[in-house]
Amino acid sequence: MLLNDKLKPYRLLLASQSPRRRELLTGCGLPYELAPKYDCEELSPAGLPAEEVPLYLSRLKSEAYPAPLLPHDILLTADTVVVADGE
């Protein structure tokens, strides 16, 4: 069974304003809706290893979502960190 078929009973809510993330979902053929824009202070704890920052911030964005989700809603959050020369 294809992912698109498995997701048919669900509503995907993209909680990102990123044009690239919209492009990726559209390119995958996955139907989605943009979640309403909401505030989330995107700060990670000092000393958190760079490879853990995207997961931390994604979780923070999920927890900050201001509306209750319906049983068949999936909220998609993401974050990106660029590391160059160990920085």
PDB file of N, CA and C in Angstrom:
ATOM      1  N   MET A   1       0.855  -1.177   0.000  1.00  0.00           N
ATOM      2  CA  MET A   1       0.000   0.000   0.000  1.00  0.00           C
ATOM      3  C   MET A   1       0.897   1.235   0.000  1.00  0.00           C
ATOM      4  N   LEU A   2       0.571   2.176  -0.852  1.00  0.00           N
ATOM      5  CA  LEU A   2       1.357   3.402  -0.962  1.00  0.00           C
ATOM      6  C   LEU A   2       1.035   4.363   0.176  1.00  0.00           C
ATOM      7  N   LEU A   3       2.010   5.199   0.497  1.00  0.00           N
ATOM      8  CA  LEU A   3       1.833   6.183   1.567  1.00  0.00           C
ATOM      9  C   LEU A   3       0.618   7.055   1.311  1.00  0.00           C
ATOM     10  N   ASN A   4       0.428   7.473   0.073  1.00  0.00           N
ATOM     11  CA  ASN A   4      -0.711   8.324  -0.271  1.00  0.00           C
ATOM     12  C   ASN A   4      -2.028   7.635   0.092  1.00  0.00           C
ATOM     13  N   ASP A   5      -2.110   6.323  -0.152  1.00  0.00           N
ATOM     14  CA  ASP A   5      -3.319   5.566   0.194  1.00  0.00           C
ATOM     15  C   ASP A   5      -3.495   5.465   1.705  1.00  0.00           C
ATOM     16  N   LYS A   6      -2.404   5.242   2.415  1.00  0.00           N
ATOM     17  CA  LYS A   6      -2.473   5.121   3.876  1.00  0.00           C
ATOM     18  C   LYS A   6      -2.911   6.429   4.529  1.00  0.00           C
ATOM     19  N   LEU A   7      -2.561   7.549   3.902  1.00  0.00           N
ATOM     20  CA  LEU A   7      -2.873   8.848   4.497  1.00  0.00           C
ATOM     21  C   LEU A   7      -4.241   9.392   4.101  1.00  0.00           C
ATOM     22  N   LYS A   8      -4.958   8.709   3.224  1.00  0.00           N
ATOM     23  CA  LYS A   8      -6.250   9.214   2.754  1.00  0.00           C
ATOM     24  C   LYS A   8      -7.219   9.569   3.876  1.00  0.00           C
ATOM     25  N   PRO A   9      -7.312   8.790   4.950  1.00  0.00           N
ATOM     26  CA  PRO A   9      -8.279   9.162   5.993  1.00  0.00           C
ATOM     27  C   PRO A   9      -7.817  10.319   6.880  1.00  0.00           C
ATOM     28  N   TYR A  10      -6.621  10.824   6.643  1.00  0.00           N
ATOM     29  CA  TYR A  10      -6.056  11.856   7.496  1.00  0.00           C
ATOM     30  C   TYR A  10      -6.008  13.211   6.799  1.00  0.00           C
ATOM     31  N   ARG A  11      -5.962  14.251   7.613  1.00  0.00           N
ATOM     32  CA  ARG A  11      -5.765  15.606   7.102  1.00  0.00           C
ATOM     33  C   ARG A  11      -4.368  16.034   7.539  1.00  0.00           C
ATOM     34  N   LEU A  12      -3.495  16.301   6.557  1.00  0.00           N
ATOM     35  CA  LEU A  12      -2.141  16.753   6.860  1.00  0.00           C
ATOM     36  C   LEU A  12      -2.153  18.273   6.974  1.00  0.00           C
ATOM     37  N   LEU A  13      -1.680  18.763   8.108  1.00  0.00           N
ATOM     38  CA  LEU A  13      -1.575  20.197   8.355  1.00  0.00           C
ATOM     39  C   LEU A  13      -0.101  20.565   8.388  1.00  0.00           C
ATOM     40  N   LEU A  14       0.328  21.349   7.439  1.00  0.00           N
ATOM     41  CA  LEU A  14       1.725  21.780   7.384  1.00  0.00           C
ATOM     42  C   LEU A  14       1.875  23.056   8.200  1.00  0.00           C
ATOM     43  N   ALA A  15       2.612  22.952   9.286  1.00  0.00           N
ATOM     44  CA  ALA A  15       2.800  24.091  10.185  1.00  0.00           C
ATOM     45  C   ALA A  15       4.101  24.798   9.850  1.00  0.00           C
ATOM     46  N   SER A  16       4.316  25.037   8.591  1.00  0.00           N
ATOM     47  CA  SER A  16       5.526  25.705   8.144  1.00  0.00           C
ATOM     48  C   SER A  16       5.151  26.730   7.094  1.00  0.00           C
ATOM     49  N   GLN A  17       5.811  27.842   7.125  1.00  0.00           N
ATOM     50  CA  GLN A  17       5.601  28.870   6.109  1.00  0.00           C
ATOM     51  C   GLN A  17       6.649  28.741   4.999  1.00  0.00           C
ATOM     52  N   SER A  18       7.455  27.707   5.062  1.00  0.00           N
ATOM     53  CA  SER A  18       8.549  27.508   4.122  1.00  0.00           C
ATOM     54  C   SER A  18       8.032  27.101   2.739  1.00  0.00           C
ATOM     55  N   PRO A  19       8.352  27.892   1.719  1.00  0.00           N
ATOM     56  CA  PRO A  19       7.966  27.494   0.356  1.00  0.00           C
ATOM     57  C   PRO A  19       8.598  26.155  -0.052  1.00  0.00           C
ATOM     58  N   ARG A  20       9.791  25.890   0.427  1.00  0.00           N
ATOM     59  CA  ARG A  20      10.474  24.632   0.088  1.00  0.00           C
ATOM     60  C   ARG A  20       9.729  23.434   0.668  1.00  0.00           C
ATOM     61  N   ARG A  21       9.244  23.537   1.891  1.00  0.00           N
ATOM     62  CA  ARG A  21       8.506  22.410   2.485  1.00  0.00           C
ATOM     63  C   ARG A  21       7.192  22.182   1.741  1.00  0.00           C
ATOM     64  N   ARG A  22       6.543  23.258   1.324  1.00  0.00           N
ATOM     65  CA  ARG A  22       5.321  23.124   0.516  1.00  0.00           C
ATOM     66  C   ARG A  22       5.646  22.437  -0.809  1.00  0.00           C
ATOM     67  N   GLU A  23       6.745  22.842  -1.409  1.00  0.00           N
ATOM     68  CA  GLU A  23       7.171  22.249  -2.676  1.00  0.00           C
ATOM     69  C   GLU A  23       7.443  20.749  -2.518  1.00  0.00           C
ATOM     70  N   LEU A  24       8.094  20.373  -1.431  1.00  0.00           N
ATOM     71  CA  LEU A  24       8.399  18.962  -1.188  1.00  0.00           C
ATOM     72  C   LEU A  24       7.124  18.127  -1.052  1.00  0.00           C
ATOM     73  N   LEU A  25       6.161  18.611  -0.272  1.00  0.00           N
ATOM     74  CA  LEU A  25       4.915  17.864  -0.103  1.00  0.00           C
ATOM     75  C   LEU A  25       4.135  17.781  -1.410  1.00  0.00           C
ATOM     76  N   THR A  26       4.080  18.885  -2.119  1.00  0.00           N
ATOM     77  CA  THR A  26       3.384  18.891  -3.407  1.00  0.00           C
ATOM     78  C   THR A  26       4.055  17.926  -4.371  1.00  0.00           C
ATOM     79  N   GLY A  27       5.382  17.933  -4.390  1.00  0.00           N
ATOM     80  CA  GLY A  27       6.133  17.033  -5.261  1.00  0.00           C
ATOM     81  C   GLY A  27       5.928  15.568  -4.927  1.00  0.00           C
ATOM     82  N   CYS A  28       5.637  15.282  -3.672  1.00  0.00           N
ATOM     83  CA  CYS A  28       5.356  13.902  -3.246  1.00  0.00           C
ATOM     84  C   CYS A  28       3.931  13.486  -3.594  1.00  0.00           C
ATOM     85  N   GLY A  29       3.126  14.456  -4.002  1.00  0.00           N
ATOM     86  CA  GLY A  29       1.736  14.156  -4.323  1.00  0.00           C
ATOM     87  C   GLY A  29       0.852  14.016  -3.100  1.00  0.00           C
ATOM     88  N   LEU A  30       1.334  14.509  -1.956  1.00  0.00           N
ATOM     89  CA  LEU A  30       0.541  14.404  -0.734  1.00  0.00           C
ATOM     90  C   LEU A  30      -0.347  15.632  -0.577  1.00  0.00           C
ATOM     91  N   PRO A  31      -1.641  15.425  -0.441  1.00  0.00           N
ATOM     92  CA  PRO A  31      -2.520  16.571  -0.208  1.00  0.00           C
ATOM     93  C   PRO A  31      -2.314  17.088   1.214  1.00  0.00           C
ATOM     94  N   TYR A  32      -2.302  18.386   1.363  1.00  0.00           N
ATOM     95  CA  TYR A  32      -2.101  18.978   2.680  1.00  0.00           C
ATOM     96  C   TYR A  32      -2.793  20.332   2.721  1.00  0.00           C
ATOM     97  N   GLU A  33      -2.954  20.818   3.947  1.00  0.00           N
ATOM     98  CA  GLU A  33      -3.461  22.169   4.172  1.00  0.00           C
ATOM     99  C   GLU A  33      -2.408  22.916   4.971  1.00  0.00           C
ATOM    100  N   LEU A  34      -2.324  24.211   4.755  1.00  0.00           N
ATOM    101  CA  LEU A  34      -1.430  25.015   5.583  1.00  0.00           C
ATOM    102  C   LEU A  34      -2.114  25.287   6.912  1.00  0.00           C
ATOM    103  N   ALA A  35      -1.422  25.004   7.975  1.00  0.00           N
ATOM    104  CA  ALA A  35      -1.945  25.334   9.302  1.00  0.00           C
ATOM    105  C   ALA A  35      -1.905  26.848   9.454  1.00  0.00           C
ATOM    106  N   PRO A  36      -2.846  27.400  10.204  1.00  0.00           N
ATOM    107  CA  PRO A  36      -2.788  28.847  10.442  1.00  0.00           C
ATOM    108  C   PRO A  36      -1.449  29.214  11.082  1.00  0.00           C
ATOM    109  N   LYS A  37      -0.930  30.358  10.715  1.00  0.00           N
ATOM    110  CA  LYS A  37       0.335  30.822  11.281  1.00  0.00           C
ATOM    111  C   LYS A  37       0.153  31.066  12.786  1.00  0.00           C
ATOM    112  N   TYR A  38       1.144  30.654  13.558  1.00  0.00           N
ATOM    113  CA  TYR A  38       1.107  30.856  15.004  1.00  0.00           C
ATOM    114  C   TYR A  38       2.513  31.132  15.501  1.00  0.00           C
ATOM    115  N   ASP A  39       2.592  31.723  16.675  1.00  0.00           N
ATOM    116  CA  ASP A  39       3.890  32.093  17.237  1.00  0.00           C
ATOM    117  C   ASP A  39       4.496  30.942  18.026  1.00  0.00           C
ATOM    118  N   CYS A  40       5.790  30.817  17.879  1.00  0.00           N
ATOM    119  CA  CYS A  40       6.557  29.850  18.655  1.00  0.00           C
ATOM    120  C   CYS A  40       7.979  30.386  18.756  1.00  0.00           C
ATOM    121  N   GLU A  41       8.441  30.604  19.958  1.00  0.00           N
ATOM    122  CA  GLU A  41       9.800  31.098  20.159  1.00  0.00           C
ATOM    123  C   GLU A  41      10.759  29.942  19.920  1.00  0.00           C
ATOM    124  N   GLU A  42      11.503  30.032  18.837  1.00  0.00           N
ATOM    125  CA  GLU A  42      12.369  28.939  18.411  1.00  0.00           C
ATOM    126  C   GLU A  42      13.771  29.087  18.989  1.00  0.00           C
ATOM    127  N   LEU A  43      13.901  28.741  20.235  1.00  0.00           N
ATOM    128  CA  LEU A  43      15.198  28.773  20.910  1.00  0.00           C
ATOM    129  C   LEU A  43      15.502  27.387  21.446  1.00  0.00           C
ATOM    130  N   SER A  44      16.725  26.957  21.233  1.00  0.00           N
ATOM    131  CA  SER A  44      17.130  25.668  21.789  1.00  0.00           C
ATOM    132  C   SER A  44      18.043  25.912  22.977  1.00  0.00           C
ATOM    133  N   PRO A  45      18.085  24.955  23.895  1.00  0.00           N
ATOM    134  CA  PRO A  45      18.941  25.110  25.070  1.00  0.00           C
ATOM    135  C   PRO A  45      20.418  25.220  24.689  1.00  0.00           C
ATOM    136  N   ALA A  46      21.132  26.068  25.399  1.00  0.00           N
ATOM    137  CA  ALA A  46      22.577  26.191  25.185  1.00  0.00           C
ATOM    138  C   ALA A  46      23.224  24.830  25.409  1.00  0.00           C
ATOM    139  N   GLY A  47      24.139  24.491  24.548  1.00  0.00           N
ATOM    140  CA  GLY A  47      24.858  23.236  24.705  1.00  0.00           C
ATOM    141  C   GLY A  47      24.188  22.039  24.049  1.00  0.00           C
ATOM    142  N   LEU A  48      22.983  22.215  23.519  1.00  0.00           N
ATOM    143  CA  LEU A  48      22.319  21.106  22.831  1.00  0.00           C
ATOM    144  C   LEU A  48      23.099  20.807  21.549  1.00  0.00           C
ATOM    145  N   PRO A  49      23.506  19.564  21.338  1.00  0.00           N
ATOM    146  CA  PRO A  49      24.266  19.239  20.126  1.00  0.00           C
ATOM    147  C   PRO A  49      23.476  19.610  18.867  1.00  0.00           C
ATOM    148  N   ALA A  50      24.180  20.115  17.871  1.00  0.00           N
ATOM    149  CA  ALA A  50      23.543  20.606  16.639  1.00  0.00           C
ATOM    150  C   ALA A  50      22.623  19.570  16.006  1.00  0.00           C
ATOM    151  N   GLU A  51      23.020  18.296  16.047  1.00  0.00           N
ATOM    152  CA  GLU A  51      22.196  17.267  15.411  1.00  0.00           C
ATOM    153  C   GLU A  51      20.874  17.023  16.144  1.00  0.00           C
ATOM    154  N   GLU A  52      20.756  17.502  17.379  1.00  0.00           N
ATOM    155  CA  GLU A  52      19.516  17.344  18.145  1.00  0.00           C
ATOM    156  C   GLU A  52      18.593  18.564  18.055  1.00  0.00           C
ATOM    157  N   VAL A  53      19.096  19.673  17.540  1.00  0.00           N
ATOM    158  CA  VAL A  53      18.321  20.916  17.484  1.00  0.00           C
ATOM    159  C   VAL A  53      17.072  20.796  16.611  1.00  0.00           C
ATOM    160  N   PRO A  54      17.147  20.225  15.388  1.00  0.00           N
ATOM    161  CA  PRO A  54      15.933  20.156  14.570  1.00  0.00           C
ATOM    162  C   PRO A  54      14.789  19.388  15.245  1.00  0.00           C
ATOM    163  N   LEU A  55      15.102  18.257  15.865  1.00  0.00           N
ATOM    164  CA  LEU A  55      14.066  17.487  16.552  1.00  0.00           C
ATOM    165  C   LEU A  55      13.503  18.276  17.732  1.00  0.00           C
ATOM    166  N   TYR A  56      14.380  18.923  18.488  1.00  0.00           N
ATOM    167  CA  TYR A  56      13.936  19.723  19.627  1.00  0.00           C
ATOM    168  C   TYR A  56      12.980  20.833  19.174  1.00  0.00           C
ATOM    169  N   LEU A  57      13.379  21.573  18.133  1.00  0.00           N
ATOM    170  CA  LEU A  57      12.557  22.689  17.666  1.00  0.00           C
ATOM    171  C   LEU A  57      11.264  22.203  17.016  1.00  0.00           C
ATOM    172  N   SER A  58      11.310  21.090  16.314  1.00  0.00           N
ATOM    173  CA  SER A  58      10.094  20.533  15.722  1.00  0.00           C
ATOM    174  C   SER A  58       9.088  20.158  16.801  1.00  0.00           C
ATOM    175  N   ARG A  59       9.591  19.551  17.851  1.00  0.00           N
ATOM    176  CA  ARG A  59       8.714  19.179  18.973  1.00  0.00           C
ATOM    177  C   ARG A  59       8.145  20.431  19.638  1.00  0.00           C
ATOM    178  N   LEU A  60       8.975  21.442  19.801  1.00  0.00           N
ATOM    179  CA  LEU A  60       8.539  22.710  20.385  1.00  0.00           C
ATOM    180  C   LEU A  60       7.411  23.324  19.552  1.00  0.00           C
ATOM    181  N   LYS A  61       7.556  23.303  18.234  1.00  0.00           N
ATOM    182  CA  LYS A  61       6.523  23.836  17.342  1.00  0.00           C
ATOM    183  C   LYS A  61       5.230  23.034  17.451  1.00  0.00           C
ATOM    184  N   SER A  62       5.346  21.724  17.564  1.00  0.00           N
ATOM    185  CA  SER A  62       4.151  20.884  17.720  1.00  0.00           C
ATOM    186  C   SER A  62       3.427  21.210  19.014  1.00  0.00           C
ATOM    187  N   GLU A  63       4.174  21.336  20.086  1.00  0.00           N
ATOM    188  CA  GLU A  63       3.572  21.613  21.391  1.00  0.00           C
ATOM    189  C   GLU A  63       2.972  23.010  21.464  1.00  0.00           C
ATOM    190  N   ALA A  64       3.469  23.945  20.650  1.00  0.00           N
ATOM    191  CA  ALA A  64       2.973  25.322  20.666  1.00  0.00           C
ATOM    192  C   ALA A  64       1.727  25.512  19.799  1.00  0.00           C
ATOM    193  N   TYR A  65       1.371  24.495  19.020  1.00  0.00           N
ATOM    194  CA  TYR A  65       0.213  24.645  18.130  1.00  0.00           C
ATOM    195  C   TYR A  65      -1.013  24.998  18.966  1.00  0.00           C
ATOM    196  N   PRO A  66      -1.688  26.108  18.650  1.00  0.00           N
ATOM    197  CA  PRO A  66      -2.705  26.650  19.550  1.00  0.00           C
ATOM    198  C   PRO A  66      -4.089  26.021  19.466  1.00  0.00           C
ATOM    199  N   ALA A  67      -4.331  25.172  18.506  1.00  0.00           N
ATOM    200  CA  ALA A  67      -5.685  24.620  18.354  1.00  0.00           C
ATOM    201  C   ALA A  67      -5.672  23.116  18.605  1.00  0.00           C
ATOM    202  N   PRO A  68      -6.768  22.581  19.116  1.00  0.00           N
ATOM    203  CA  PRO A  68      -6.820  21.123  19.286  1.00  0.00           C
ATOM    204  C   PRO A  68      -6.883  20.440  17.917  1.00  0.00           C
ATOM    205  N   LEU A  69      -6.223  19.330  17.819  1.00  0.00           N
ATOM    206  CA  LEU A  69      -6.257  18.559  16.583  1.00  0.00           C
ATOM    207  C   LEU A  69      -7.419  17.578  16.636  1.00  0.00           C
ATOM    208  N   LEU A  70      -8.011  17.346  15.494  1.00  0.00           N
ATOM    209  CA  LEU A  70      -9.076  16.353  15.392  1.00  0.00           C
ATOM    210  C   LEU A  70      -8.437  14.964  15.328  1.00  0.00           C
ATOM    211  N   PRO A  71      -9.203  13.916  15.591  1.00  0.00           N
ATOM    212  CA  PRO A  71      -8.619  12.566  15.619  1.00  0.00           C
ATOM    213  C   PRO A  71      -7.881  12.158  14.344  1.00  0.00           C
ATOM    214  N   HIS A  72      -8.257  12.693  13.198  1.00  0.00           N
ATOM    215  CA  HIS A  72      -7.597  12.304  11.950  1.00  0.00           C
ATOM    216  C   HIS A  72      -6.696  13.405  11.393  1.00  0.00           C
ATOM    217  N   ASP A  73      -6.252  14.299  12.256  1.00  0.00           N
ATOM    218  CA  ASP A  73      -5.310  15.349  11.861  1.00  0.00           C
ATOM    219  C   ASP A  73      -3.884  14.903  12.147  1.00  0.00           C
ATOM    220  N   ILE A  74      -2.996  15.246  11.247  1.00  0.00           N
ATOM    221  CA  ILE A  74      -1.561  15.055  11.462  1.00  0.00           C
ATOM    222  C   ILE A  74      -0.904  16.413  11.263  1.00  0.00           C
ATOM    223  N   LEU A  75      -0.272  16.913  12.302  1.00  0.00           N
ATOM    224  CA  LEU A  75       0.422  18.197  12.238  1.00  0.00           C
ATOM    225  C   LEU A  75       1.874  17.937  11.858  1.00  0.00           C
ATOM    226  N   LEU A  76       2.311  18.531  10.763  1.00  0.00           N
ATOM    227  CA  LEU A  76       3.687  18.359  10.293  1.00  0.00           C
ATOM    228  C   LEU A  76       4.508  19.584  10.681  1.00  0.00           C
ATOM    229  N   THR A  77       5.525  19.373  11.492  1.00  0.00           N
ATOM    230  CA  THR A  77       6.447  20.438  11.865  1.00  0.00           C
ATOM    231  C   THR A  77       7.856  19.980  11.491  1.00  0.00           C
ATOM    232  N   ALA A  78       8.722  20.940  11.252  1.00  0.00           N
ATOM    233  CA  ALA A  78      10.093  20.597  10.862  1.00  0.00           C
ATOM    234  C   ALA A  78      11.010  21.756  11.190  1.00  0.00           C
ATOM    235  N   ASP A  79      12.286  21.469  11.174  1.00  0.00           N
ATOM    236  CA  ASP A  79      13.288  22.510  11.324  1.00  0.00           C
ATOM    237  C   ASP A  79      14.570  22.009  10.675  1.00  0.00           C
ATOM    238  N   THR A  80      15.436  22.928  10.369  1.00  0.00           N
ATOM    239  CA  THR A  80      16.690  22.620   9.689  1.00  0.00           C
ATOM    240  C   THR A  80      17.828  23.344  10.393  1.00  0.00           C
ATOM    241  N   VAL A  81      18.952  22.678  10.501  1.00  0.00           N
ATOM    242  CA  VAL A  81      20.159  23.289  11.030  1.00  0.00           C
ATOM    243  C   VAL A  81      21.285  23.019  10.034  1.00  0.00           C
ATOM    244  N   VAL A  82      22.051  24.022   9.745  1.00  0.00           N
ATOM    245  CA  VAL A  82      23.202  23.864   8.847  1.00  0.00           C
ATOM    246  C   VAL A  82      24.466  23.885   9.710  1.00  0.00           C
ATOM    247  N   VAL A  83      25.306  22.874   9.529  1.00  0.00           N
ATOM    248  CA  VAL A  83      26.571  22.792  10.247  1.00  0.00           C
ATOM    249  C   VAL A  83      27.695  22.830   9.212  1.00  0.00           C
ATOM    250  N   ALA A  84      28.615  23.765   9.412  1.00  0.00           N
ATOM    251  CA  ALA A  84      29.774  23.869   8.531  1.00  0.00           C
ATOM    252  C   ALA A  84      31.025  24.012   9.380  1.00  0.00           C
ATOM    253  N   ASP A  85      31.987  23.178   9.118  1.00  0.00           N
ATOM    254  CA  ASP A  85      33.256  23.198   9.873  1.00  0.00           C
ATOM    255  C   ASP A  85      33.011  23.094  11.380  1.00  0.00           C
ATOM    256  N   GLY A  86      32.043  22.270  11.760  1.00  0.00           N
ATOM    257  CA  GLY A  86      31.773  22.048  13.172  1.00  0.00           C
ATOM    258  C   GLY A  86      31.017  23.170  13.856  1.00  0.00           C
ATOM    259  N   GLU A  87      30.607  24.166  13.140  1.00  0.00           N
ATOM    260  CA  GLU A  87      29.881  25.313  13.704  1.00  0.00           C
ATOM    261  C   GLU A  87      28.436  25.284  13.266  1.00  0.00           C
TER     262      GLU A  87
END
